PDB file of N, CA and C in Angstrom:
ATOM      1  N   UNK A   1       6.438  18.421  14.828  1.00  0.00           N
ATOM      2  CA  UNK A   1       5.141  18.297  14.185  1.00  0.00           C
ATOM      3  C   UNK A   1       5.033  16.987  13.399  1.00  0.00           C
ATOM      4  N   UNK A   2       6.165  16.460  12.968  1.00  0.00           N
ATOM      5  CA  UNK A   2       6.145  15.244  12.163  1.00  0.00           C
ATOM      6  C   UNK A   2       5.764  14.030  13.008  1.00  0.00           C
ATOM      7  N   UNK A   3       5.900  14.118  14.307  1.00  0.00           N
ATOM      8  CA  UNK A   3       5.625  12.976  15.176  1.00  0.00           C
ATOM      9  C   UNK A   3       4.187  12.487  15.074  1.00  0.00           C
ATOM     10  N   UNK A   4       3.241  13.404  15.001  1.00  0.00           N
ATOM     11  CA  UNK A   4       1.824  13.015  14.982  1.00  0.00           C
ATOM     12  C   UNK A   4       1.472  12.199  13.737  1.00  0.00           C
ATOM     13  N   UNK A   5       1.758  12.700  12.523  1.00  0.00           N
ATOM     14  CA  UNK A   5       1.413  11.882  11.361  1.00  0.00           C
ATOM     15  C   UNK A   5       2.213  10.584  11.300  1.00  0.00           C
ATOM     16  N   UNK A   6       3.464  10.598  11.785  1.00  0.00           N
ATOM     17  CA  UNK A   6       4.256   9.365  11.770  1.00  0.00           C
ATOM     18  C   UNK A   6       3.635   8.323  12.692  1.00  0.00           C
ATOM     19  N   UNK A   7       3.207   8.730  13.877  1.00  0.00           N
ATOM     20  CA  UNK A   7       2.584   7.774  14.804  1.00  0.00           C
ATOM     21  C   UNK A   7       1.308   7.194  14.206  1.00  0.00           C
ATOM     22  N   UNK A   8       0.518   8.050  13.568  1.00  0.00           N
ATOM     23  CA  UNK A   8      -0.714   7.564  12.942  1.00  0.00           C
ATOM     24  C   UNK A   8      -0.373   6.565  11.844  1.00  0.00           C
ATOM     25  N   UNK A   9       0.605   6.915  10.993  1.00  0.00           N
ATOM     26  CA  UNK A   9       0.984   6.022   9.899  1.00  0.00           C
ATOM     27  C   UNK A   9       1.545   4.709  10.418  1.00  0.00           C
ATOM     28  N   UNK A  10       2.431   4.781  11.416  1.00  0.00           N
ATOM     29  CA  UNK A  10       3.067   3.558  11.903  1.00  0.00           C
ATOM     30  C   UNK A  10       2.069   2.629  12.594  1.00  0.00           C
ATOM     31  N   UNK A  11       1.032   3.186  13.187  1.00  0.00           N
ATOM     32  CA  UNK A  11       0.042   2.359  13.881  1.00  0.00           C
ATOM     33  C   UNK A  11      -1.055   1.852  12.955  1.00  0.00           C
ATOM     34  N   UNK A  12      -1.357   2.608  11.907  1.00  0.00           N
ATOM     35  CA  UNK A  12      -2.500   2.246  11.069  1.00  0.00           C
ATOM     36  C   UNK A  12      -2.114   1.855   9.641  1.00  0.00           C
ATOM     37  N   UNK A  13      -0.950   2.301   9.184  1.00  0.00           N
ATOM     38  CA  UNK A  13      -0.569   2.065   7.801  1.00  0.00           C
ATOM     39  C   UNK A  13      -1.332   2.955   6.835  1.00  0.00           C
ATOM     40  N   UNK A  14      -1.967   3.980   7.341  1.00  0.00           N
ATOM     41  CA  UNK A  14      -2.773   4.892   6.536  1.00  0.00           C
ATOM     42  C   UNK A  14      -1.867   5.733   5.637  1.00  0.00           C
ATOM     43  N   UNK A  15      -2.005   5.580   4.336  1.00  0.00           N
ATOM     44  CA  UNK A  15      -1.163   6.295   3.388  1.00  0.00           C
ATOM     45  C   UNK A  15      -1.392   7.799   3.448  1.00  0.00           C
ATOM     46  N   UNK A  16      -2.588   8.227   3.796  1.00  0.00           N
ATOM     47  CA  UNK A  16      -2.857   9.664   3.916  1.00  0.00           C
ATOM     48  C   UNK A  16      -2.036  10.282   5.044  1.00  0.00           C
ATOM     49  N   UNK A  17      -1.832   9.552   6.123  1.00  0.00           N
ATOM     50  CA  UNK A  17      -0.997  10.049   7.216  1.00  0.00           C
ATOM     51  C   UNK A  17       0.452  10.177   6.757  1.00  0.00           C
ATOM     52  N   UNK A  18       0.919   9.218   5.944  1.00  0.00           N
ATOM     53  CA  UNK A  18       2.275   9.281   5.403  1.00  0.00           C
ATOM     54  C   UNK A  18       2.432  10.501   4.485  1.00  0.00           C
ATOM     55  N   UNK A  19       1.464  10.707   3.618  1.00  0.00           N
ATOM     56  CA  UNK A  19       1.523  11.853   2.712  1.00  0.00           C
ATOM     57  C   UNK A  19       1.463  13.167   3.486  1.00  0.00           C
ATOM     58  N   UNK A  20       0.682  13.192   4.561  1.00  0.00           N
ATOM     59  CA  UNK A  20       0.599  14.369   5.423  1.00  0.00           C
ATOM     60  C   UNK A  20       1.974  14.648   6.031  1.00  0.00           C
ATOM     61  N   UNK A  21       2.645  13.586   6.505  1.00  0.00           N
ATOM     62  CA  UNK A  21       3.970  13.732   7.096  1.00  0.00           C
ATOM     63  C   UNK A  21       4.950  14.311   6.076  1.00  0.00           C
ATOM     64  N   UNK A  22       4.909  13.803   4.845  1.00  0.00           N
ATOM     65  CA  UNK A  22       5.808  14.296   3.807  1.00  0.00           C
ATOM     66  C   UNK A  22       5.522  15.757   3.476  1.00  0.00           C
ATOM     67  N   UNK A  23       4.262  16.147   3.484  1.00  0.00           N
ATOM     68  CA  UNK A  23       3.908  17.541   3.218  1.00  0.00           C
ATOM     69  C   UNK A  23       4.424  18.445   4.332  1.00  0.00           C
ATOM     70  N   UNK A  24       4.332  17.993   5.568  1.00  0.00           N
ATOM     71  CA  UNK A  24       4.852  18.770   6.696  1.00  0.00           C
ATOM     72  C   UNK A  24       6.359  18.950   6.544  1.00  0.00           C
ATOM     73  N   UNK A  25       7.067  17.883   6.146  1.00  0.00           N
ATOM     74  CA  UNK A  25       8.511  17.975   5.937  1.00  0.00           C
ATOM     75  C   UNK A  25       8.843  19.009   4.857  1.00  0.00           C
ATOM     76  N   UNK A  26       8.113  18.979   3.748  1.00  0.00           N
ATOM     77  CA  UNK A  26       8.357  19.938   2.668  1.00  0.00           C
ATOM     78  C   UNK A  26       8.087  21.365   3.117  1.00  0.00           C
ATOM     79  N   UNK A  27       7.010  21.551   3.870  1.00  0.00           N
ATOM     80  CA  UNK A  27       6.667  22.886   4.358  1.00  0.00           C
ATOM     81  C   UNK A  27       7.762  23.422   5.278  1.00  0.00           C
ATOM     82  N   UNK A  28       8.305  22.558   6.135  1.00  0.00           N
ATOM     83  CA  UNK A  28       9.361  22.981   7.049  1.00  0.00           C
ATOM     84  C   UNK A  28      10.623  23.355   6.273  1.00  0.00           C
ATOM     85  N   UNK A  29      10.948  22.587   5.229  1.00  0.00           N
ATOM     86  CA  UNK A  29      12.118  22.901   4.410  1.00  0.00           C
ATOM     87  C   UNK A  29      11.941  24.233   3.705  1.00  0.00           C
ATOM     88  N   UNK A  30      10.753  24.502   3.202  1.00  0.00           N
ATOM     89  CA  UNK A  30      10.485  25.773   2.526  1.00  0.00           C
ATOM     90  C   UNK A  30      10.617  26.940   3.493  1.00  0.00           C
ATOM     91  N   UNK A  31      10.136  26.773   4.714  1.00  0.00           N
ATOM     92  CA  UNK A  31      10.244  27.838   5.710  1.00  0.00           C
ATOM     93  C   UNK A  31      11.707  28.126   6.021  1.00  0.00           C
ATOM     94  N   UNK A  32      12.519  27.089   6.136  1.00  0.00           N
ATOM     95  CA  UNK A  32      13.941  27.282   6.400  1.00  0.00           C
ATOM     96  C   UNK A  32      14.600  28.006   5.240  1.00  0.00           C
ATOM     97  N   UNK A  33      14.240  27.655   4.020  1.00  0.00           N
ATOM     98  CA  UNK A  33      14.800  28.305   2.842  1.00  0.00           C
ATOM     99  C   UNK A  33      14.431  29.766   2.769  1.00  0.00           C
ATOM    100  N   UNK A  34      13.207  30.098   3.127  1.00  0.00           N
ATOM    101  CA  UNK A  34      12.750  31.491   3.120  1.00  0.00           C
ATOM    102  C   UNK A  34      13.542  32.296   4.147  1.00  0.00           C
ATOM    103  N   UNK A  35      13.744  31.747   5.331  1.00  0.00           N
ATOM    104  CA  UNK A  35      14.497  32.447   6.365  1.00  0.00           C
ATOM    105  C   UNK A  35      15.926  32.702   5.902  1.00  0.00           C
ATOM    106  N   UNK A  36      16.569  31.724   5.277  1.00  0.00           N
ATOM    107  CA  UNK A  36      17.928  31.894   4.794  1.00  0.00           C
ATOM    108  C   UNK A  36      17.990  32.979   3.721  1.00  0.00           C
ATOM    109  N   UNK A  37      17.018  33.011   2.843  1.00  0.00           N
ATOM    110  CA  UNK A  37      16.994  34.003   1.784  1.00  0.00           C
ATOM    111  C   UNK A  37      16.859  35.404   2.369  1.00  0.00           C
ATOM    112  N   UNK A  38      16.019  35.554   3.362  1.00  0.00           N
ATOM    113  CA  UNK A  38      15.848  36.867   3.972  1.00  0.00           C
ATOM    114  C   UNK A  38      17.136  37.337   4.626  1.00  0.00           C
ATOM    115  N   UNK A  39      17.838  36.432   5.273  1.00  0.00           N
ATOM    116  CA  UNK A  39      19.095  36.798   5.911  1.00  0.00           C
ATOM    117  C   UNK A  39      20.145  37.184   4.876  1.00  0.00           C
ATOM    118  N   UNK A  40      20.201  36.463   3.765  1.00  0.00           N
ATOM    119  CA  UNK A  40      21.171  36.772   2.719  1.00  0.00           C
ATOM    120  C   UNK A  40      20.909  38.144   2.119  1.00  0.00           C
ATOM    121  N   UNK A  41      19.657  38.512   1.946  1.00  0.00           N
ATOM    122  CA  UNK A  41      19.307  39.789   1.339  1.00  0.00           C
ATOM    123  C   UNK A  41      19.665  40.971   2.225  1.00  0.00           C
ATOM    124  N   UNK A  42      19.727  40.780   3.530  1.00  0.00           N
ATOM    125  CA  UNK A  42      19.998  41.892   4.431  1.00  0.00           C
ATOM    126  C   UNK A  42      21.487  42.176   4.575  1.00  0.00           C
ATOM    127  N   UNK A  43      22.354  41.244   4.155  1.00  0.00           N
ATOM    128  CA  UNK A  43      23.803  41.446   4.247  1.00  0.00           C
ATOM    129  C   UNK A  43      24.329  41.917   2.900  1.00  0.00           C
ATOM    130  N   UNK A  44      24.882  43.112   2.885  1.00  0.00           N
ATOM    131  CA  UNK A  44      25.378  43.667   1.629  1.00  0.00           C
ATOM    132  C   UNK A  44      26.830  43.337   1.437  1.00  0.00           C
TER     133      UNK A  44
END
């Protein structure tokens, strides 16, 4: 998913595309963290 905003940013220099890319990265990290937490809670 990061490819689209990166291509836009690299071709246009649009700072909004860069910020969009960073937000996508943060969202993906949060999703990974949530999945890990759920797995930890199920193992006693």
